[in-house]
Amino acid sequence: MTIKEIENILKNTHPEKLPDALALYQNDTRSAVASLIVKYQKVHDNYLAELERLDQMLRYEDQEREKGRKIICGIDEAGRGPLAGPVVAAAVVLPEGTKILYANDSKKLTAKKRDELFNEIIDKALSVGVGIASPERIDEINILQATYEAMREAVSKLSVVPDVSLNDAVTIPKLNIPQVPIIKGDAKSLSIACASIIAKVTRDRMMEEYDKLYPEYGFAGHKGYGSADHYAALKKYGACPIHRRSFRLFEEE
């Protein structure tokens, strides 16, 4: 068997089954094969480390299930800080035992990985809800209250009624289910991490669409955040309809 054929076999073997595949080539004396064995042993080791990380990220869910709460909802938002665009919240309910490999705080992931995980979460989740507060609504009731409103909307759009919500840091007013606020929850709870990804990808896609309407502002790149390019565009063109008028839109000279 050629080196390339062996490499293709290992590349297409699920990490869980790599030890059995690697064992087939342990007696091959070619140095290139030895290098492949080392490389894919690391792939297997990384897979085991990821499973261990996910077990840790499910500890809050496990604690709630020990209390008899079966339908557990993770809640997070994206877009509290930008100068333009909506704030988006997501609520995600995962079936018990579900593991989403490499799910994490959305800010720690590449755009490509977020897109991949977005699709996997949608496929595997028991239910996903998304809530959106417009720039006008943010200006009307302030960003914090608009965020809470978007979170409540996200929960209301779930097809199931949660027994409890795990929230990234906040306690949501007027949400009539038990809540567990977790500081930096998007890096500690799988359910919240998945909500973080859904909210971030949803909002980013919205901002990319707004970029087509208002191309002079560069929304597809900075997503409405206060980058130097964004401030320069504001200075040149003024605010557009999706800017948050209650925010400081212009840098002080």
C-alpha atoms as a PDB file:
ATOM      1  CA  MET A   1       0.000   0.000   0.000  1.00  0.00           C
ATOM      2  CA  THR A   2       1.360   3.431  -0.896  1.00  0.00           C
ATOM      3  CA  ILE A   3       1.987   6.200   1.620  1.00  0.00           C
ATOM      4  CA  LYS A   4      -0.754   8.263   0.005  1.00  0.00           C
ATOM      5  CA  GLU A   5      -3.270   5.418   0.317  1.00  0.00           C
ATOM      6  CA  ILE A   6      -2.441   4.951   3.995  1.00  0.00           C
ATOM      7  CA  GLU A   7      -2.733   8.685   4.606  1.00  0.00           C
ATOM      8  CA  ASN A   8      -6.158   8.788   2.928  1.00  0.00           C
ATOM      9  CA  ILE A   9      -7.365   5.896   5.068  1.00  0.00           C
ATOM     10  CA  LEU A  10      -6.225   7.586   8.288  1.00  0.00           C
ATOM     11  CA  LYS A  11      -7.552  10.961   7.207  1.00  0.00           C
ATOM     12  CA  ASN A  12     -11.010   9.512   6.630  1.00  0.00           C
ATOM     13  CA  THR A  13     -11.107   7.426   9.812  1.00  0.00           C
ATOM     14  CA  HIS A  14     -13.186   8.809  12.670  1.00  0.00           C
ATOM     15  CA  PRO A  15     -10.864   9.872  15.522  1.00  0.00           C
ATOM     16  CA  GLU A  16     -12.561   7.397  17.860  1.00  0.00           C
ATOM     17  CA  LYS A  17     -11.503   4.500  15.611  1.00  0.00           C
ATOM     18  CA  LEU A  18      -7.967   5.672  14.870  1.00  0.00           C
ATOM     19  CA  PRO A  19      -6.217   3.322  17.354  1.00  0.00           C
ATOM     20  CA  ASP A  20      -7.481   0.263  15.455  1.00  0.00           C
ATOM     21  CA  ALA A  21      -6.510   1.809  12.118  1.00  0.00           C
ATOM     22  CA  LEU A  22      -3.053   2.803  13.357  1.00  0.00           C
ATOM     23  CA  ALA A  23      -2.413  -0.690  14.672  1.00  0.00           C
ATOM     24  CA  LEU A  24      -2.556  -2.012  11.107  1.00  0.00           C
ATOM     25  CA  TYR A  25       0.587  -0.074  10.204  1.00  0.00           C
ATOM     26  CA  GLN A  26       2.682  -0.419  13.359  1.00  0.00           C
ATOM     27  CA  ASN A  27       5.020  -2.929  11.681  1.00  0.00           C
ATOM     28  CA  ASP A  28       5.516  -0.857   8.548  1.00  0.00           C
ATOM     29  CA  THR A  29       9.201   0.173   8.563  1.00  0.00           C
ATOM     30  CA  ARG A  30       8.871   3.155   6.242  1.00  0.00           C
ATOM     31  CA  SER A  31       9.721   6.442   7.964  1.00  0.00           C
ATOM     32  CA  ALA A  32       6.839   8.227   6.250  1.00  0.00           C
ATOM     33  CA  VAL A  33       4.399   5.725   7.737  1.00  0.00           C
ATOM     34  CA  ALA A  34       5.963   6.225  11.178  1.00  0.00           C
ATOM     35  CA  SER A  35       5.389   9.969  10.781  1.00  0.00           C
ATOM     36  CA  LEU A  36       1.752   9.362   9.850  1.00  0.00           C
ATOM     37  CA  ILE A  37       1.292   7.202  12.926  1.00  0.00           C
ATOM     38  CA  VAL A  38       2.660   9.968  15.144  1.00  0.00           C
ATOM     39  CA  LYS A  39       0.483  12.571  13.410  1.00  0.00           C
ATOM     40  CA  TYR A  40      -2.752  10.628  13.716  1.00  0.00           C
ATOM     41  CA  GLN A  41      -2.014   9.475  17.247  1.00  0.00           C
ATOM     42  CA  LYS A  42      -2.035  13.195  18.109  1.00  0.00           C
ATOM     43  CA  VAL A  43      -5.370  13.531  16.312  1.00  0.00           C
ATOM     44  CA  HIS A  44      -6.755  10.769  18.522  1.00  0.00           C
ATOM     45  CA  ASP A  45      -5.247  12.328  21.669  1.00  0.00           C
ATOM     46  CA  ASN A  46      -6.782  15.701  20.781  1.00  0.00           C
ATOM     47  CA  TYR A  47     -10.136  14.011  20.252  1.00  0.00           C
ATOM     48  CA  LEU A  48      -9.976  12.464  23.727  1.00  0.00           C
ATOM     49  CA  ALA A  49      -9.036  15.842  25.206  1.00  0.00           C
ATOM     50  CA  GLU A  50     -12.004  17.430  23.448  1.00  0.00           C
ATOM     51  CA  LEU A  51     -14.371  14.805  24.854  1.00  0.00           C
ATOM     52  CA  GLU A  52     -13.013  15.550  28.326  1.00  0.00           C
ATOM     53  CA  ARG A  53     -13.526  19.287  27.771  1.00  0.00           C
ATOM     54  CA  LEU A  54     -17.106  18.664  26.670  1.00  0.00           C
ATOM     55  CA  ASP A  55     -17.754  16.579  29.787  1.00  0.00           C
ATOM     56  CA  GLN A  56     -16.689  19.613  31.819  1.00  0.00           C
ATOM     57  CA  MET A  57     -18.936  21.864  29.721  1.00  0.00           C
ATOM     58  CA  LEU A  58     -21.913  19.636  30.516  1.00  0.00           C
ATOM     59  CA  ARG A  59     -21.498  19.795  34.276  1.00  0.00           C
ATOM     60  CA  TYR A  60     -24.104  22.546  34.718  1.00  0.00           C
ATOM     61  CA  GLU A  61     -26.574  20.630  32.559  1.00  0.00           C
ATOM     62  CA  ASP A  62     -25.850  17.478  34.575  1.00  0.00           C
ATOM     63  CA  GLN A  63     -26.446  19.335  37.847  1.00  0.00           C
ATOM     64  CA  GLU A  64     -29.845  20.513  36.638  1.00  0.00           C
ATOM     65  CA  ARG A  65     -30.820  17.030  35.456  1.00  0.00           C
ATOM     66  CA  GLU A  66     -29.959  15.704  38.910  1.00  0.00           C
ATOM     67  CA  LYS A  67     -32.636  18.107  40.191  1.00  0.00           C
ATOM     68  CA  GLY A  68     -35.161  16.552  37.795  1.00  0.00           C
ATOM     69  CA  ARG A  69     -35.024  19.346  35.224  1.00  0.00           C
ATOM     70  CA  LYS A  70     -34.972  17.619  31.843  1.00  0.00           C
ATOM     71  CA  ILE A  71     -35.460  20.410  29.313  1.00  0.00           C
ATOM     72  CA  ILE A  72     -32.472  22.691  29.732  1.00  0.00           C
ATOM     73  CA  CYS A  73     -32.121  25.850  27.709  1.00  0.00           C
ATOM     74  CA  GLY A  74     -28.907  27.787  27.084  1.00  0.00           C
ATOM     75  CA  ILE A  75     -29.308  31.517  26.378  1.00  0.00           C
ATOM     76  CA  ASP A  76     -26.833  34.052  25.013  1.00  0.00           C
ATOM     77  CA  GLU A  77     -26.724  37.164  22.844  1.00  0.00           C
ATOM     78  CA  ALA A  78     -24.605  38.848  20.212  1.00  0.00           C
ATOM     79  CA  GLY A  79     -24.349  42.519  19.397  1.00  0.00           C
ATOM     80  CA  ARG A  80     -24.684  44.509  22.594  1.00  0.00           C
ATOM     81  CA  GLY A  81     -21.639  46.640  21.852  1.00  0.00           C
ATOM     82  CA  PRO A  82     -21.872  47.667  18.167  1.00  0.00           C
ATOM     83  CA  LEU A  83     -22.815  51.111  16.947  1.00  0.00           C
ATOM     84  CA  ALA A  84     -25.213  49.687  14.364  1.00  0.00           C
ATOM     85  CA  GLY A  85     -27.524  46.782  13.735  1.00  0.00           C
ATOM     86  CA  PRO A  86     -29.734  44.670  15.983  1.00  0.00           C
ATOM     87  CA  VAL A  87     -28.961  42.764  19.127  1.00  0.00           C
ATOM     88  CA  VAL A  88     -29.687  39.063  18.604  1.00  0.00           C
ATOM     89  CA  ALA A  89     -30.391  36.473  21.280  1.00  0.00           C
ATOM     90  CA  ALA A  90     -30.611  32.715  20.937  1.00  0.00           C
ATOM     91  CA  ALA A  91     -32.042  29.948  23.085  1.00  0.00           C
ATOM     92  CA  VAL A  92     -30.887  26.381  22.470  1.00  0.00           C
ATOM     93  CA  VAL A  93     -32.175  23.126  23.952  1.00  0.00           C
ATOM     94  CA  LEU A  94     -29.963  20.102  23.339  1.00  0.00           C
ATOM     95  CA  PRO A  95     -31.168  16.535  23.803  1.00  0.00           C
ATOM     96  CA  GLU A  96     -29.612  14.797  26.792  1.00  0.00           C
ATOM     97  CA  GLY A  97     -26.291  13.217  25.886  1.00  0.00           C
ATOM     98  CA  THR A  98     -25.673  15.414  22.846  1.00  0.00           C
ATOM     99  CA  LYS A  99     -22.096  16.536  22.323  1.00  0.00           C
ATOM    100  CA  ILE A 100     -21.141  19.209  19.820  1.00  0.00           C
ATOM    101  CA  LEU A 101     -17.404  18.821  19.281  1.00  0.00           C
ATOM    102  CA  TYR A 102     -15.438  22.085  19.483  1.00  0.00           C
ATOM    103  CA  ALA A 103     -18.443  24.194  20.477  1.00  0.00           C
ATOM    104  CA  ASN A 104     -17.195  27.090  22.582  1.00  0.00           C
ATOM    105  CA  ASP A 105     -17.627  30.796  23.208  1.00  0.00           C
ATOM    106  CA  SER A 106     -18.302  32.067  19.679  1.00  0.00           C
ATOM    107  CA  LYS A 107     -15.630  34.755  20.059  1.00  0.00           C
ATOM    108  CA  LYS A 108     -12.995  32.020  20.369  1.00  0.00           C
ATOM    109  CA  LEU A 109     -13.941  30.411  17.050  1.00  0.00           C
ATOM    110  CA  THR A 110     -13.191  31.322  13.455  1.00  0.00           C
ATOM    111  CA  ALA A 111     -16.050  32.412  11.212  1.00  0.00           C
ATOM    112  CA  LYS A 112     -15.688  29.170   9.255  1.00  0.00           C
ATOM    113  CA  LYS A 113     -15.907  27.034  12.391  1.00  0.00           C
ATOM    114  CA  ARG A 114     -18.907  29.020  13.643  1.00  0.00           C
ATOM    115  CA  ASP A 115     -20.722  28.392  10.369  1.00  0.00           C
ATOM    116  CA  GLU A 116     -19.965  24.666  10.556  1.00  0.00           C
ATOM    117  CA  LEU A 117     -21.129  24.438  14.155  1.00  0.00           C
ATOM    118  CA  PHE A 118     -24.232  26.535  13.420  1.00  0.00           C
ATOM    119  CA  ASN A 119     -25.434  23.861  10.998  1.00  0.00           C
ATOM    120  CA  GLU A 120     -24.602  21.034  13.387  1.00  0.00           C
ATOM    121  CA  ILE A 121     -26.422  22.722  16.259  1.00  0.00           C
ATOM    122  CA  ILE A 122     -29.516  23.303  14.131  1.00  0.00           C
ATOM    123  CA  ASP A 123     -29.442  19.637  13.092  1.00  0.00           C
ATOM    124  CA  LYS A 124     -28.924  18.190  16.581  1.00  0.00           C
ATOM    125  CA  ALA A 125     -30.831  20.574  18.860  1.00  0.00           C
ATOM    126  CA  LEU A 126     -34.207  19.637  20.251  1.00  0.00           C
ATOM    127  CA  SER A 127     -35.218  23.254  19.637  1.00  0.00           C
ATOM    128  CA  VAL A 128     -33.673  26.604  18.743  1.00  0.00           C
ATOM    129  CA  GLY A 129     -35.256  30.032  19.218  1.00  0.00           C
ATOM    130  CA  VAL A 130     -33.948  33.404  18.059  1.00  0.00           C
ATOM    131  CA  GLY A 131     -34.999  36.843  19.252  1.00  0.00           C
ATOM    132  CA  ILE A 132     -34.075  40.158  17.641  1.00  0.00           C
ATOM    133  CA  ALA A 133     -34.260  43.732  18.925  1.00  0.00           C
ATOM    134  CA  SER A 134     -33.913  46.382  16.226  1.00  0.00           C
ATOM    135  CA  PRO A 135     -31.765  49.504  16.460  1.00  0.00           C
ATOM    136  CA  GLU A 136     -34.965  51.518  16.878  1.00  0.00           C
ATOM    137  CA  ARG A 137     -36.004  49.355  19.810  1.00  0.00           C
ATOM    138  CA  ILE A 138     -32.535  49.662  21.344  1.00  0.00           C
ATOM    139  CA  ASP A 139     -32.820  53.450  21.139  1.00  0.00           C
ATOM    140  CA  GLU A 140     -36.313  53.348  22.608  1.00  0.00           C
ATOM    141  CA  ILE A 141     -35.699  51.218  25.718  1.00  0.00           C
ATOM    142  CA  ASN A 142     -31.840  51.059  25.952  1.00  0.00           C
ATOM    143  CA  ILE A 143     -29.507  48.242  25.011  1.00  0.00           C
ATOM    144  CA  LEU A 144     -29.810  46.240  28.252  1.00  0.00           C
ATOM    145  CA  GLN A 145     -33.608  46.150  28.198  1.00  0.00           C
ATOM    146  CA  ALA A 146     -33.586  45.408  24.462  1.00  0.00           C
ATOM    147  CA  THR A 147     -31.227  42.501  25.102  1.00  0.00           C
ATOM    148  CA  TYR A 148     -33.547  41.100  27.768  1.00  0.00           C
ATOM    149  CA  GLU A 149     -36.475  41.510  25.390  1.00  0.00           C
ATOM    150  CA  ALA A 150     -34.646  39.619  22.639  1.00  0.00           C
ATOM    151  CA  MET A 151     -33.798  36.849  25.111  1.00  0.00           C
ATOM    152  CA  ARG A 152     -37.417  36.471  26.187  1.00  0.00           C
ATOM    153  CA  GLU A 153     -38.457  36.379  22.526  1.00  0.00           C
ATOM    154  CA  ALA A 154     -35.879  33.652  21.820  1.00  0.00           C
ATOM    155  CA  VAL A 155     -37.278  31.494  24.625  1.00  0.00           C
ATOM    156  CA  SER A 156     -40.853  32.107  23.451  1.00  0.00           C
ATOM    157  CA  LYS A 157     -39.932  30.742  20.013  1.00  0.00           C
ATOM    158  CA  LEU A 158     -38.775  27.386  21.354  1.00  0.00           C
ATOM    159  CA  SER A 159     -41.015  24.459  20.467  1.00  0.00           C
ATOM    160  CA  VAL A 160     -40.628  23.133  24.020  1.00  0.00           C
ATOM    161  CA  VAL A 161     -41.024  24.807  27.412  1.00  0.00           C
ATOM    162  CA  PRO A 162     -37.725  24.762  29.320  1.00  0.00           C
ATOM    163  CA  ASP A 163     -37.549  23.531  32.895  1.00  0.00           C
ATOM    164  CA  VAL A 164     -34.591  25.858  33.478  1.00  0.00           C
ATOM    165  CA  SER A 165     -32.387  28.290  31.582  1.00  0.00           C
ATOM    166  CA  LEU A 166     -28.621  28.568  31.811  1.00  0.00           C
ATOM    167  CA  ASN A 167     -27.701  32.185  31.033  1.00  0.00           C
ATOM    168  CA  ASP A 168     -24.433  33.846  30.180  1.00  0.00           C
ATOM    169  CA  ALA A 169     -23.955  36.018  33.293  1.00  0.00           C
ATOM    170  CA  VAL A 170     -27.424  37.619  33.463  1.00  0.00           C
ATOM    171  CA  THR A 171     -30.750  37.008  35.178  1.00  0.00           C
ATOM    172  CA  ILE A 172     -33.486  37.892  32.697  1.00  0.00           C
ATOM    173  CA  PRO A 173     -36.431  39.899  34.111  1.00  0.00           C
ATOM    174  CA  LYS A 174     -39.943  38.609  33.444  1.00  0.00           C
ATOM    175  CA  LEU A 175     -38.748  35.178  32.312  1.00  0.00           C
ATOM    176  CA  ASN A 176     -40.993  32.818  34.207  1.00  0.00           C
ATOM    177  CA  ILE A 177     -38.715  29.796  34.476  1.00  0.00           C
ATOM    178  CA  PRO A 178     -35.879  29.017  36.903  1.00  0.00           C
ATOM    179  CA  GLN A 179     -32.633  30.640  35.790  1.00  0.00           C
ATOM    180  CA  VAL A 180     -28.969  29.927  36.479  1.00  0.00           C
ATOM    181  CA  PRO A 181     -26.663  32.842  35.593  1.00  0.00           C
ATOM    182  CA  ILE A 182     -23.118  31.642  34.876  1.00  0.00           C
ATOM    183  CA  ILE A 183     -20.227  34.083  34.600  1.00  0.00           C
ATOM    184  CA  LYS A 184     -18.455  33.455  31.268  1.00  0.00           C
ATOM    185  CA  GLY A 185     -21.083  30.795  30.691  1.00  0.00           C
ATOM    186  CA  ASP A 186     -20.440  30.633  26.948  1.00  0.00           C
ATOM    187  CA  ALA A 187     -17.090  28.996  27.761  1.00  0.00           C
ATOM    188  CA  LYS A 188     -18.407  26.827  30.617  1.00  0.00           C
ATOM    189  CA  SER A 189     -21.756  25.423  29.446  1.00  0.00           C
ATOM    190  CA  LEU A 190     -22.326  23.595  26.166  1.00  0.00           C
ATOM    191  CA  SER A 191     -25.906  24.841  25.925  1.00  0.00           C
ATOM    192  CA  ILE A 192     -24.834  28.472  26.340  1.00  0.00           C
ATOM    193  CA  ALA A 193     -21.923  28.014  23.933  1.00  0.00           C
ATOM    194  CA  CYS A 194     -24.345  26.736  21.301  1.00  0.00           C
ATOM    195  CA  ALA A 195     -26.650  29.698  21.919  1.00  0.00           C
ATOM    196  CA  SER A 196     -23.646  31.993  21.560  1.00  0.00           C
ATOM    197  CA  ILE A 197     -22.834  30.492  18.158  1.00  0.00           C
ATOM    198  CA  ILE A 198     -26.426  30.678  16.899  1.00  0.00           C
ATOM    199  CA  ALA A 199     -26.760  34.310  17.987  1.00  0.00           C
ATOM    200  CA  LYS A 200     -23.400  35.353  16.540  1.00  0.00           C
ATOM    201  CA  VAL A 201     -23.841  33.664  13.162  1.00  0.00           C
ATOM    202  CA  THR A 202     -27.418  34.929  12.823  1.00  0.00           C
ATOM    203  CA  ARG A 203     -26.366  38.504  13.547  1.00  0.00           C
ATOM    204  CA  ASP A 204     -23.280  38.348  11.316  1.00  0.00           C
ATOM    205  CA  ARG A 205     -25.409  37.172   8.414  1.00  0.00           C
ATOM    206  CA  MET A 206     -27.840  40.013   9.013  1.00  0.00           C
ATOM    207  CA  MET A 207     -24.996  42.529   8.984  1.00  0.00           C
ATOM    208  CA  GLU A 208     -23.701  41.075   5.725  1.00  0.00           C
ATOM    209  CA  GLU A 209     -27.132  41.697   4.215  1.00  0.00           C
ATOM    210  CA  TYR A 210     -27.150  45.258   5.576  1.00  0.00           C
ATOM    211  CA  ASP A 211     -23.772  45.727   3.904  1.00  0.00           C
ATOM    212  CA  LYS A 212     -25.508  45.309   0.549  1.00  0.00           C
ATOM    213  CA  LEU A 213     -27.910  48.133   1.421  1.00  0.00           C
ATOM    214  CA  TYR A 214     -25.283  50.443   2.911  1.00  0.00           C
ATOM    215  CA  PRO A 215     -21.973  49.377   1.339  1.00  0.00           C
ATOM    216  CA  GLU A 216     -20.172  52.597   2.249  1.00  0.00           C
ATOM    217  CA  TYR A 217     -20.012  51.615   5.941  1.00  0.00           C
ATOM    218  CA  GLY A 218     -18.263  48.225   5.609  1.00  0.00           C
ATOM    219  CA  PHE A 219     -20.750  46.316   7.771  1.00  0.00           C
ATOM    220  CA  ALA A 220     -19.717  42.946   6.299  1.00  0.00           C
ATOM    221  CA  GLY A 221     -16.279  43.426   7.793  1.00  0.00           C
ATOM    222  CA  HIS A 222     -16.700  45.043  11.222  1.00  0.00           C
ATOM    223  CA  LYS A 223     -20.321  43.925  11.750  1.00  0.00           C
ATOM    224  CA  GLY A 224     -21.260  47.325  13.148  1.00  0.00           C
ATOM    225  CA  TYR A 225     -18.585  47.527  15.836  1.00  0.00           C
ATOM    226  CA  GLY A 226     -16.647  50.735  16.372  1.00  0.00           C
ATOM    227  CA  SER A 227     -13.616  50.094  14.192  1.00  0.00           C
ATOM    228  CA  ALA A 228     -11.481  52.914  12.831  1.00  0.00           C
ATOM    229  CA  ASP A 229     -12.940  52.341   9.357  1.00  0.00           C
ATOM    230  CA  HIS A 230     -16.468  52.498  10.754  1.00  0.00           C
ATOM    231  CA  TYR A 231     -15.842  55.783  12.554  1.00  0.00           C
ATOM    232  CA  ALA A 232     -14.261  57.182   9.393  1.00  0.00           C
ATOM    233  CA  ALA A 233     -17.350  56.221   7.374  1.00  0.00           C
ATOM    234  CA  LEU A 234     -19.626  57.814   9.967  1.00  0.00           C
ATOM    235  CA  LYS A 235     -17.629  61.008   9.804  1.00  0.00           C
ATOM    236  CA  LYS A 236     -17.861  61.035   6.004  1.00  0.00           C
ATOM    237  CA  TYR A 237     -21.432  59.863   5.440  1.00  0.00           C
ATOM    238  CA  GLY A 238     -23.217  60.427   8.748  1.00  0.00           C
ATOM    239  CA  ALA A 239     -25.485  57.824  10.349  1.00  0.00           C
ATOM    240  CA  CYS A 240     -27.654  55.452   8.319  1.00  0.00           C
ATOM    241  CA  PRO A 241     -31.029  53.954   9.306  1.00  0.00           C
ATOM    242  CA  ILE A 242     -29.527  51.005  11.202  1.00  0.00           C
ATOM    243  CA  HIS A 243     -27.231  53.068  13.422  1.00  0.00           C
ATOM    244  CA  ARG A 244     -28.097  53.253  17.111  1.00  0.00           C
ATOM    245  CA  ARG A 245     -28.768  56.926  17.724  1.00  0.00           C
ATOM    246  CA  SER A 246     -28.524  56.488  21.498  1.00  0.00           C
ATOM    247  CA  PHE A 247     -24.897  55.354  21.171  1.00  0.00           C
ATOM    248  CA  ARG A 248     -21.923  57.679  20.762  1.00  0.00           C
ATOM    249  CA  LEU A 249     -21.532  57.409  17.011  1.00  0.00           C
ATOM    250  CA  PHE A 250     -18.750  59.895  16.502  1.00  0.00           C
ATOM    251  CA  GLU A 251     -15.315  59.870  18.074  1.00  0.00           C
ATOM    252  CA  GLU A 252     -14.367  62.963  19.977  1.00  0.00           C
ATOM    253  CA  GLU A 253     -11.722  65.060  18.257  1.00  0.00           C
END
